[in-house]
PDB file of N, CA and C in Angstrom:
ATOM      1  N   MET A   1     132.068 129.036 120.618  1.00  0.00           N
ATOM      2  CA  MET A   1     131.648 129.680 121.838  1.00  0.00           C
ATOM      3  C   MET A   1     131.139 131.082 121.521  1.00  0.00           C
ATOM      4  N   ASN A   2     130.068 131.483 122.185  1.00  0.00           N
ATOM      5  CA  ASN A   2     129.517 132.817 121.996  1.00  0.00           C
ATOM      6  C   ASN A   2     130.250 133.822 122.860  1.00  0.00           C
ATOM      7  N   LEU A   3     130.676 134.919 122.255  1.00  0.00           N
ATOM      8  CA  LEU A   3     131.307 135.999 123.013  1.00  0.00           C
ATOM      9  C   LEU A   3     130.258 136.912 123.615  1.00  0.00           C
ATOM     10  N   ASP A   4     129.161 137.108 122.877  1.00  0.00           N
ATOM     11  CA  ASP A   4     128.079 137.963 123.363  1.00  0.00           C
ATOM     12  C   ASP A   4     126.865 137.759 122.469  1.00  0.00           C
ATOM     13  N   THR A   5     125.709 138.174 122.965  1.00  0.00           N
ATOM     14  CA  THR A   5     124.457 138.091 122.218  1.00  0.00           C
ATOM     15  C   THR A   5     123.687 139.386 122.437  1.00  0.00           C
ATOM     16  N   VAL A   6     123.148 139.934 121.348  1.00  0.00           N
ATOM     17  CA  VAL A   6     122.317 141.131 121.409  1.00  0.00           C
ATOM     18  C   VAL A   6     121.054 140.874 120.590  1.00  0.00           C
ATOM     19  N   LYS A   7     120.073 141.747 120.719  1.00  0.00           N
ATOM     20  CA  LYS A   7     118.819 141.578 119.981  1.00  0.00           C
ATOM     21  C   LYS A   7     118.793 142.484 118.752  1.00  0.00           C
ATOM     22  N   SER A   8     118.307 141.923 117.650  1.00  0.00           N
ATOM     23  CA  SER A   8     118.150 142.689 116.410  1.00  0.00           C
ATOM     24  C   SER A   8     116.907 143.570 116.500  1.00  0.00           C
ATOM     25  N   ILE A   9     116.672 144.366 115.473  1.00  0.00           N
ATOM     26  CA  ILE A   9     115.467 145.204 115.445  1.00  0.00           C
ATOM     27  C   ILE A   9     114.201 144.365 115.428  1.00  0.00           C
ATOM     28  N   ASN A  10     114.316 143.084 115.048  1.00  0.00           N
ATOM     29  CA  ASN A  10     113.183 142.157 115.042  1.00  0.00           C
ATOM     30  C   ASN A  10     113.070 141.387 116.352  1.00  0.00           C
ATOM     31  N   ASP A  11     113.844 141.806 117.364  1.00  0.00           N
ATOM     32  CA  ASP A  11     113.849 141.190 118.695  1.00  0.00           C
ATOM     33  C   ASP A  11     114.353 139.744 118.665  1.00  0.00           C
ATOM     34  N   ILE A  12     115.262 139.464 117.729  1.00  0.00           N
ATOM     35  CA  ILE A  12     115.851 138.136 117.595  1.00  0.00           C
ATOM     36  C   ILE A  12     117.259 138.162 118.182  1.00  0.00           C
ATOM     37  N   PRO A  13     117.600 137.211 119.060  1.00  0.00           N
ATOM     38  CA  PRO A  13     118.960 137.155 119.608  1.00  0.00           C
ATOM     39  C   PRO A  13     119.979 136.884 118.489  1.00  0.00           C
ATOM     40  N   ILE A  14     120.997 137.743 118.414  1.00  0.00           N
ATOM     41  CA  ILE A  14     122.051 137.626 117.407  1.00  0.00           C
ATOM     42  C   ILE A  14     123.369 137.381 118.145  1.00  0.00           C
ATOM     43  N   ARG A  15     124.012 136.249 117.860  1.00  0.00           N
ATOM     44  CA  ARG A  15     125.247 135.840 118.535  1.00  0.00           C
ATOM     45  C   ARG A  15     126.472 136.354 117.783  1.00  0.00           C
ATOM     46  N   LEU A  16     127.498 136.727 118.535  1.00  0.00           N
ATOM     47  CA  LEU A  16     128.825 136.948 117.969  1.00  0.00           C
ATOM     48  C   LEU A  16     129.705 135.845 118.536  1.00  0.00           C
ATOM     49  N   THR A  17     130.113 134.914 117.671  1.00  0.00           N
ATOM     50  CA  THR A  17     130.914 133.771 118.129  1.00  0.00           C
ATOM     51  C   THR A  17     132.398 134.119 118.107  1.00  0.00           C
ATOM     52  N   ASP A  18     133.162 133.362 118.892  1.00  0.00           N
ATOM     53  CA  ASP A  18     134.609 133.579 118.903  1.00  0.00           C
ATOM     54  C   ASP A  18     135.202 133.289 117.523  1.00  0.00           C
ATOM     55  N   GLU A  19     134.682 132.312 116.808  1.00  0.00           N
ATOM     56  CA  GLU A  19     135.181 132.000 115.462  1.00  0.00           C
ATOM     57  C   GLU A  19     135.010 133.196 114.526  1.00  0.00           C
ATOM     58  N   ARG A  20     133.832 133.796 114.538  1.00  0.00           N
ATOM     59  CA  ARG A  20     133.576 134.947 113.654  1.00  0.00           C
ATOM     60  C   ARG A  20     134.450 136.123 114.059  1.00  0.00           C
ATOM     61  N   TRP A  21     134.594 136.395 115.349  1.00  0.00           N
ATOM     62  CA  TRP A  21     135.370 137.532 115.819  1.00  0.00           C
ATOM     63  C   TRP A  21     136.865 137.337 115.570  1.00  0.00           C
ATOM     64  N   TYR A  22     137.408 136.237 116.081  1.00  0.00           N
ATOM     65  CA  TYR A  22     138.857 136.035 116.011  1.00  0.00           C
ATOM     66  C   TYR A  22     139.354 135.530 114.658  1.00  0.00           C
ATOM     67  N   GLU A  23     138.609 134.621 114.037  1.00  0.00           N
ATOM     68  CA  GLU A  23     139.105 133.991 112.819  1.00  0.00           C
ATOM     69  C   GLU A  23     138.614 134.642 111.535  1.00  0.00           C
ATOM     70  N   HIS A  24     137.609 135.476 111.609  1.00  0.00           N
ATOM     71  CA  HIS A  24     137.151 136.149 110.395  1.00  0.00           C
ATOM     72  C   HIS A  24     137.290 137.673 110.496  1.00  0.00           C
ATOM     73  N   ILE A  25     136.547 138.284 111.399  1.00  0.00           N
ATOM     74  CA  ILE A  25     136.514 139.748 111.450  1.00  0.00           C
ATOM     75  C   ILE A  25     137.902 140.324 111.700  1.00  0.00           C
ATOM     76  N   LEU A  26     138.590 139.854 112.725  1.00  0.00           N
ATOM     77  CA  LEU A  26     139.910 140.424 113.029  1.00  0.00           C
ATOM     78  C   LEU A  26     140.972 140.064 111.992  1.00  0.00           C
ATOM     79  N   VAL A  27     140.826 138.921 111.329  1.00  0.00           N
ATOM     80  CA  VAL A  27     141.789 138.527 110.293  1.00  0.00           C
ATOM     81  C   VAL A  27     141.527 139.285 109.000  1.00  0.00           C
ATOM     82  N   GLU A  28     140.260 139.303 108.555  1.00  0.00           N
ATOM     83  CA  GLU A  28     139.915 139.934 107.277  1.00  0.00           C
ATOM     84  C   GLU A  28     139.775 141.452 107.372  1.00  0.00           C
ATOM     85  N   HIS A  29     139.428 141.950 108.547  1.00  0.00           N
ATOM     86  CA  HIS A  29     139.181 143.381 108.747  1.00  0.00           C
ATOM     87  C   HIS A  29     139.860 143.843 110.043  1.00  0.00           C
ATOM     88  N   PRO A  30     141.189 143.846 110.084  1.00  0.00           N
ATOM     89  CA  PRO A  30     141.896 144.167 111.334  1.00  0.00           C
ATOM     90  C   PRO A  30     141.576 145.558 111.879  1.00  0.00           C
ATOM     91  N   GLU A  31     141.090 146.460 111.037  1.00  0.00           N
ATOM     92  CA  GLU A  31     140.703 147.801 111.498  1.00  0.00           C
ATOM     93  C   GLU A  31     139.522 147.747 112.473  1.00  0.00           C
ATOM     94  N   MET A  32     138.860 146.591 112.581  1.00  0.00           N
ATOM     95  CA  MET A  32     137.709 146.442 113.470  1.00  0.00           C
ATOM     96  C   MET A  32     138.112 146.074 114.895  1.00  0.00           C
ATOM     97  N   SER A  33     139.405 145.929 115.172  1.00  0.00           N
ATOM     98  CA  SER A  33     139.862 145.426 116.471  1.00  0.00           C
ATOM     99  C   SER A  33     139.363 146.232 117.662  1.00  0.00           C
ATOM    100  N   GLY A  34     139.187 147.514 117.545  1.00  0.00           N
ATOM    101  CA  GLY A  34     138.709 148.328 118.659  1.00  0.00           C
ATOM    102  C   GLY A  34     137.220 148.576 118.642  1.00  0.00           C
ATOM    103  N   HIS A  35     136.486 147.827 117.823  1.00  0.00           N
ATOM    104  CA  HIS A  35     135.064 148.109 117.617  1.00  0.00           C
ATOM    105  C   HIS A  35     134.126 146.999 118.090  1.00  0.00           C
ATOM    106  N   PHE A  36     134.575 146.153 119.016  1.00  0.00           N
ATOM    107  CA  PHE A  36     133.736 145.042 119.484  1.00  0.00           C
ATOM    108  C   PHE A  36     132.371 145.531 119.973  1.00  0.00           C
ATOM    109  N   GLU A  37     132.358 146.472 120.903  1.00  0.00           N
ATOM    110  CA  GLU A  37     131.100 146.975 121.467  1.00  0.00           C
ATOM    111  C   GLU A  37     130.273 147.724 120.423  1.00  0.00           C
ATOM    112  N   THR A  38     130.939 148.434 119.533  1.00  0.00           N
ATOM    113  CA  THR A  38     130.228 149.175 118.484  1.00  0.00           C
ATOM    114  C   THR A  38     129.528 148.214 117.530  1.00  0.00           C
ATOM    115  N   ILE A  39     130.161 147.102 117.237  1.00  0.00           N
ATOM    116  CA  ILE A  39     129.543 146.087 116.380  1.00  0.00           C
ATOM    117  C   ILE A  39     128.258 145.580 117.019  1.00  0.00           C
ATOM    118  N   LEU A  40     128.324 145.262 118.301  1.00  0.00           N
ATOM    119  CA  LEU A  40     127.137 144.774 119.000  1.00  0.00           C
ATOM    120  C   LEU A  40     126.040 145.832 119.064  1.00  0.00           C
ATOM    121  N   SER A  41     126.403 147.072 119.365  1.00  0.00           N
ATOM    122  CA  SER A  41     125.386 148.127 119.460  1.00  0.00           C
ATOM    123  C   SER A  41     124.784 148.456 118.096  1.00  0.00           C
ATOM    124  N   THR A  42     125.530 148.204 117.027  1.00  0.00           N
ATOM    125  CA  THR A  42     125.000 148.433 115.681  1.00  0.00           C
ATOM    126  C   THR A  42     123.857 147.479 115.383  1.00  0.00           C
ATOM    127  N   ILE A  43     123.954 146.244 115.848  1.00  0.00           N
ATOM    128  CA  ILE A  43     122.856 145.286 115.675  1.00  0.00           C
ATOM    129  C   ILE A  43     121.624 145.759 116.447  1.00  0.00           C
ATOM    130  N   GLU A  44     121.823 146.242 117.659  1.00  0.00           N
ATOM    131  CA  GLU A  44     120.702 146.670 118.502  1.00  0.00           C
ATOM    132  C   GLU A  44     120.099 148.002 118.078  1.00  0.00           C
ATOM    133  N   ASN A  45     120.937 148.925 117.613  1.00  0.00           N
ATOM    134  CA  ASN A  45     120.480 150.285 117.312  1.00  0.00           C
ATOM    135  C   ASN A  45     121.040 150.796 115.987  1.00  0.00           C
ATOM    136  N   PRO A  46     120.669 150.155 114.878  1.00  0.00           N
ATOM    137  CA  PRO A  46     121.196 150.611 113.591  1.00  0.00           C
ATOM    138  C   PRO A  46     120.519 151.893 113.117  1.00  0.00           C
ATOM    139  N   LYS A  47     121.206 152.623 112.277  1.00  0.00           N
ATOM    140  CA  LYS A  47     120.586 153.760 111.587  1.00  0.00           C
ATOM    141  C   LYS A  47     119.744 153.234 110.424  1.00  0.00           C
ATOM    142  N   PHE A  48     120.295 152.216 109.743  1.00  0.00           N
ATOM    143  CA  PHE A  48     119.620 151.556 108.637  1.00  0.00           C
ATOM    144  C   PHE A  48     119.837 150.057 108.749  1.00  0.00           C
ATOM    145  N   VAL A  49     118.941 149.296 108.143  1.00  0.00           N
ATOM    146  CA  VAL A  49     119.190 147.886 107.877  1.00  0.00           C
ATOM    147  C   VAL A  49     119.030 147.710 106.375  1.00  0.00           C
ATOM    148  N   LEU A  50     120.053 147.106 105.767  1.00  0.00           N
ATOM    149  CA  LEU A  50     120.055 146.872 104.329  1.00  0.00           C
ATOM    150  C   LEU A  50     119.763 145.408 104.040  1.00  0.00           C
ATOM    151  N   ARG A  51     119.191 145.157 102.881  1.00  0.00           N
ATOM    152  CA  ARG A  51     118.991 143.796 102.402  1.00  0.00           C
ATOM    153  C   ARG A  51     120.332 143.271 101.901  1.00  0.00           C
ATOM    154  N   GLY A  52     120.772 142.140 102.428  1.00  0.00           N
ATOM    155  CA  GLY A  52     122.008 141.513 101.989  1.00  0.00           C
ATOM    156  C   GLY A  52     121.717 140.406 100.989  1.00  0.00           C
ATOM    157  N   HIS A  53     122.700 139.570 100.736  1.00  0.00           N
ATOM    158  CA  HIS A  53     122.551 138.444  99.820  1.00  0.00           C
ATOM    159  C   HIS A  53     121.994 137.223 100.530  1.00  0.00           C
ATOM    160  N   LYS A  54     121.140 136.489  99.843  1.00  0.00           N
ATOM    161  CA  LYS A  54     120.622 135.200 100.324  1.00  0.00           C
ATOM    162  C   LYS A  54     120.041 135.273 101.727  1.00  0.00           C
ATOM    163  N   GLY A  55     119.252 136.304 102.000  1.00  0.00           N
ATOM    164  CA  GLY A  55     118.559 136.411 103.275  1.00  0.00           C
ATOM    165  C   GLY A  55     119.322 137.073 104.405  1.00  0.00           C
ATOM    166  N   THR A  56     120.531 137.530 104.144  1.00  0.00           N
ATOM    167  CA  THR A  56     121.265 138.229 105.196  1.00  0.00           C
ATOM    168  C   THR A  56     120.767 139.657 105.323  1.00  0.00           C
ATOM    169  N   LYS A  57     121.104 140.265 106.431  1.00  0.00           N
ATOM    170  CA  LYS A  57     120.794 141.669 106.680  1.00  0.00           C
ATOM    171  C   LYS A  57     122.093 142.380 107.031  1.00  0.00           C
ATOM    172  N   ILE A  58     122.114 143.693 106.809  1.00  0.00           N
ATOM    173  CA  ILE A  58     123.296 144.483 107.121  1.00  0.00           C
ATOM    174  C   ILE A  58     122.860 145.677 107.954  1.00  0.00           C
ATOM    175  N   ALA A  59     123.259 145.689 109.225  1.00  0.00           N
ATOM    176  CA  ALA A  59     122.988 146.822 110.111  1.00  0.00           C
ATOM    177  C   ALA A  59     124.076 147.865 109.857  1.00  0.00           C
ATOM    178  N   VAL A  60     123.669 149.135 109.772  1.00  0.00           N
ATOM    179  CA  VAL A  60     124.601 150.202 109.403  1.00  0.00           C
ATOM    180  C   VAL A  60     124.470 151.376 110.378  1.00  0.00           C
ATOM    181  N   VAL A  61     125.625 151.897 110.823  1.00  0.00           N
ATOM    182  CA  VAL A  61     125.672 153.135 111.612  1.00  0.00           C
ATOM    183  C   VAL A  61     126.825 153.998 111.110  1.00  0.00           C
ATOM    184  N   ASN A  62     126.700 155.285 111.336  1.00  0.00           N
ATOM    185  CA  ASN A  62     127.748 156.236 110.967  1.00  0.00           C
ATOM    186  C   ASN A  62     128.825 156.239 112.038  1.00  0.00           C
ATOM    187  N   VAL A  63     130.085 156.118 111.618  1.00  0.00           N
ATOM    188  CA  VAL A  63     131.199 156.111 112.567  1.00  0.00           C
ATOM    189  C   VAL A  63     132.241 157.176 112.230  1.00  0.00           C
ATOM    190  N   GLY A  64     131.874 158.098 111.412  1.00  0.00           N
ATOM    191  CA  GLY A  64     132.785 159.167 111.014  1.00  0.00           C
ATOM    192  C   GLY A  64     132.107 160.046 109.984  1.00  0.00           C
ATOM    193  N   ARG A  65     132.784 161.078 109.570  1.00  0.00           N
ATOM    194  CA  ARG A  65     132.182 162.024 108.639  1.00  0.00           C
ATOM    195  C   ARG A  65     131.568 161.329 107.421  1.00  0.00           C
ATOM    196  N   ILE A  66     132.327 160.446 106.807  1.00  0.00           N
ATOM    197  CA  ILE A  66     131.808 159.715 105.651  1.00  0.00           C
ATOM    198  C   ILE A  66     132.053 158.209 105.785  1.00  0.00           C
ATOM    199  N   LYS A  67     132.164 157.732 107.009  1.00  0.00           N
ATOM    200  CA  LYS A  67     132.424 156.314 107.231  1.00  0.00           C
ATOM    201  C   LYS A  67     131.222 155.652 107.890  1.00  0.00           C
ATOM    202  N   TRP A  68     130.889 154.466 107.393  1.00  0.00           N
ATOM    203  CA  TRP A  68     129.733 153.725 107.870  1.00  0.00           C
ATOM    204  C   TRP A  68     130.145 152.308 108.239  1.00  0.00           C
ATOM    205  N   LEU A  69     129.827 151.912 109.479  1.00  0.00           N
ATOM    206  CA  LEU A  69     130.075 150.547 109.930  1.00  0.00           C
ATOM    207  C   LEU A  69     128.939 149.669 109.420  1.00  0.00           C
ATOM    208  N   HIS A  70     129.287 148.589 108.738  1.00  0.00           N
ATOM    209  CA  HIS A  70     128.341 147.603 108.228  1.00  0.00           C
ATOM    210  C   HIS A  70     128.540 146.309 109.021  1.00  0.00           C
ATOM    211  N   VAL A  71     127.471 145.799 109.619  1.00  0.00           N
ATOM    212  CA  VAL A  71     127.534 144.529 110.343  1.00  0.00           C
ATOM    213  C   VAL A  71     126.574 143.567 109.647  1.00  0.00           C
ATOM    214  N   LEU A  72     127.147 142.570 109.021  1.00  0.00           N
ATOM    215  CA  LEU A  72     126.402 141.570 108.268  1.00  0.00           C
ATOM    216  C   LEU A  72     125.962 140.459 109.212  1.00  0.00           C
ATOM    217  N   TYR A  73     124.657 140.133 109.192  1.00  0.00           N
ATOM    218  CA  TYR A  73     124.146 139.098 110.090  1.00  0.00           C
ATOM    219  C   TYR A  73     123.006 138.326 109.444  1.00  0.00           C
ATOM    220  N   ARG A  74     122.700 137.195 110.049  1.00  0.00           N
ATOM    221  CA  ARG A  74     121.599 136.356 109.568  1.00  0.00           C
ATOM    222  C   ARG A  74     120.690 136.007 110.736  1.00  0.00           C
ATOM    223  N   GLU A  75     119.398 136.149 110.521  1.00  0.00           N
ATOM    224  CA  GLU A  75     118.392 135.703 111.471  1.00  0.00           C
ATOM    225  C   GLU A  75     117.929 134.321 111.004  1.00  0.00           C
ATOM    226  N   LEU A  76     118.274 133.289 111.755  1.00  0.00           N
ATOM    227  CA  LEU A  76     117.947 131.921 111.357  1.00  0.00           C
ATOM    228  C   LEU A  76     116.471 131.593 111.580  1.00  0.00           C
ATOM    229  N   ASN A  77     115.949 132.035 112.715  1.00  0.00           N
ATOM    230  CA  ASN A  77     114.547 131.827 113.072  1.00  0.00           C
ATOM    231  C   ASN A  77     114.189 132.864 114.126  1.00  0.00           C
ATOM    232  N   ARG A  78     113.073 132.725 114.786  1.00  0.00           N
ATOM    233  CA  ARG A  78     112.621 133.730 115.767  1.00  0.00           C
ATOM    234  C   ARG A  78     113.455 133.740 117.047  1.00  0.00           C
ATOM    235  N   THR A  79     114.305 132.730 117.240  1.00  0.00           N
ATOM    236  CA  THR A  79     115.057 132.653 118.492  1.00  0.00           C
ATOM    237  C   THR A  79     116.574 132.581 118.306  1.00  0.00           C
ATOM    238  N   ASP A  80     117.066 132.723 117.072  1.00  0.00           N
ATOM    239  CA  ASP A  80     118.501 132.568 116.869  1.00  0.00           C
ATOM    240  C   ASP A  80     118.976 133.272 115.607  1.00  0.00           C
ATOM    241  N   GLY A  81     120.154 133.856 115.720  1.00  0.00           N
ATOM    242  CA  GLY A  81     120.824 134.476 114.587  1.00  0.00           C
ATOM    243  C   GLY A  81     122.287 134.677 114.938  1.00  0.00           C
ATOM    244  N   PHE A  82     123.086 135.096 113.954  1.00  0.00           N
ATOM    245  CA  PHE A  82     124.512 135.273 114.215  1.00  0.00           C
ATOM    246  C   PHE A  82     125.114 136.332 113.311  1.00  0.00           C
ATOM    247  N   ILE A  83     126.192 136.949 113.798  1.00  0.00           N
ATOM    248  CA  ILE A  83     126.952 137.932 113.036  1.00  0.00           C
ATOM    249  C   ILE A  83     127.896 137.178 112.114  1.00  0.00           C
ATOM    250  N   ILE A  84     127.945 137.631 110.869  1.00  0.00           N
ATOM    251  CA  ILE A  84     128.800 137.013 109.861  1.00  0.00           C
ATOM    252  C   ILE A  84     130.099 137.794 109.699  1.00  0.00           C
ATOM    253  N   SER A  85     129.984 139.117 109.604  1.00  0.00           N
ATOM    254  CA  SER A  85     131.158 139.949 109.368  1.00  0.00           C
ATOM    255  C   SER A  85     130.863 141.387 109.776  1.00  0.00           C
ATOM    256  N   ALA A  86     131.909 142.193 109.798  1.00  0.00           N
ATOM    257  CA  ALA A  86     131.773 143.627 110.072  1.00  0.00           C
ATOM    258  C   ALA A  86     132.916 144.349 109.371  1.00  0.00           C
ATOM    259  N   TYR A  87     132.597 145.502 108.789  1.00  0.00           N
ATOM    260  CA  TYR A  87     133.594 146.272 108.045  1.00  0.00           C
ATOM    261  C   TYR A  87     133.128 147.715 107.936  1.00  0.00           C
ATOM    262  N   ILE A  88     134.053 148.599 107.602  1.00  0.00           N
ATOM    263  CA  ILE A  88     133.751 150.016 107.435  1.00  0.00           C
ATOM    264  C   ILE A  88     133.879 150.375 105.961  1.00  0.00           C
ATOM    265  N   LYS A  89     132.878 151.106 105.461  1.00  0.00           N
ATOM    266  CA  LYS A  89     132.876 151.581 104.076  1.00  0.00           C
ATOM    267  C   LYS A  89     132.606 153.081 104.080  1.00  0.00           C
ATOM    268  N   SER A  90     132.884 153.707 102.953  1.00  0.00           N
ATOM    269  CA  SER A  90     132.677 155.156 102.853  1.00  0.00           C
ATOM    270  C   SER A  90     131.239 155.526 102.512  1.00  0.00           C
ATOM    271  N   GLY A  91     130.368 154.577 102.348  1.00  0.00           N
ATOM    272  CA  GLY A  91     128.969 154.858 102.059  1.00  0.00           C
ATOM    273  C   GLY A  91     128.144 153.604 102.238  1.00  0.00           C
ATOM    274  N   TYR A  92     126.900 153.666 101.774  1.00  0.00           N
ATOM    275  CA  TYR A  92     126.001 152.509 101.802  1.00  0.00           C
ATOM    276  C   TYR A  92     125.054 152.640 100.624  1.00  0.00           C
ATOM    277  N   ASN A  93     124.454 151.550 100.210  1.00  0.00           N
ATOM    278  CA  ASN A  93     123.550 151.544  99.066  1.00  0.00           C
ATOM    279  C   ASN A  93     122.132 151.868  99.526  1.00  0.00           C
ATOM    280  N   GLU A  94     121.677 153.070  99.234  1.00  0.00           N
ATOM    281  CA  GLU A  94     120.340 153.510  99.649  1.00  0.00           C
ATOM    282  C   GLU A  94     119.232 152.650  99.061  1.00  0.00           C
ATOM    283  N   ASN A  95     119.477 152.032  97.911  1.00  0.00           N
ATOM    284  CA  ASN A  95     118.467 151.192  97.258  1.00  0.00           C
ATOM    285  C   ASN A  95     118.204 149.890  98.008  1.00  0.00           C
ATOM    286  N   LEU A  96     119.084 149.536  98.939  1.00  0.00           N
ATOM    287  CA  LEU A  96     118.942 148.280  99.677  1.00  0.00           C
ATOM    288  C   LEU A  96     118.325 148.460 101.057  1.00  0.00           C
ATOM    289  N   ILE A  97     117.944 149.691 101.434  1.00  0.00           N
ATOM    290  CA  ILE A  97     117.373 149.944 102.766  1.00  0.00           C
ATOM    291  C   ILE A  97     116.035 149.224 102.904  1.00  0.00           C
ATOM    292  N   ILE A  98     115.930 148.378 103.959  1.00  0.00           N
ATOM    293  CA  ILE A  98     114.661 147.714 104.259  1.00  0.00           C
ATOM    294  C   ILE A  98     114.060 148.191 105.579  1.00  0.00           C
ATOM    295  N   TRP A  99     114.865 148.934 106.340  1.00  0.00           N
ATOM    296  CA  TRP A  99     114.403 149.499 107.620  1.00  0.00           C
ATOM    297  C   TRP A  99     115.253 150.714 107.918  1.00  0.00           C
ATOM    298  N   GLN A 100     114.615 151.743 108.494  1.00  0.00           N
ATOM    299  CA  GLN A 100     115.344 152.966 108.841  1.00  0.00           C
ATOM    300  C   GLN A 100     114.895 153.470 110.197  1.00  0.00           C
ATOM    301  N   SER A 101     115.854 153.904 111.012  1.00  0.00           N
ATOM    302  CA  SER A 101     115.567 154.442 112.339  1.00  0.00           C
ATOM    303  C   SER A 101     114.799 155.752 112.225  1.00  0.00           C
ATOM    304  N   ASP A 102     113.955 156.019 113.203  1.00  0.00           N
ATOM    305  CA  ASP A 102     113.240 157.295 113.264  1.00  0.00           C
ATOM    306  C   ASP A 102     114.140 158.419 113.751  1.00  0.00           C
ATOM    307  N   ASN A 103     115.261 158.071 114.384  1.00  0.00           N
ATOM    308  CA  ASN A 103     116.167 159.086 114.965  1.00  0.00           C
ATOM    309  C   ASN A 103     117.055 159.696 113.934  1.00  0.00           C
TER     310      ASN A 103
END
């Protein structure tokens, strides 16, 4: 079941399913429990998008002085995509930037 859907920078609907939220993100990254809305807004308004593995993308926003929220997602086609995971890291790999916000 889909908990919510937002649009990526490519205007592709990206789903957050209950399985990904409850069985992966909250289990593997319990620190994300209060960040549901932030995860969704990161897909819609990232500071950067990084190239992930095997065609995935990683939307990134700053959530603290040196903390960056990474939301891993896949765009399947022009009308569908889904969030894979979300986690916070102390930085990001500048060499993987494929898109950057003007703001």
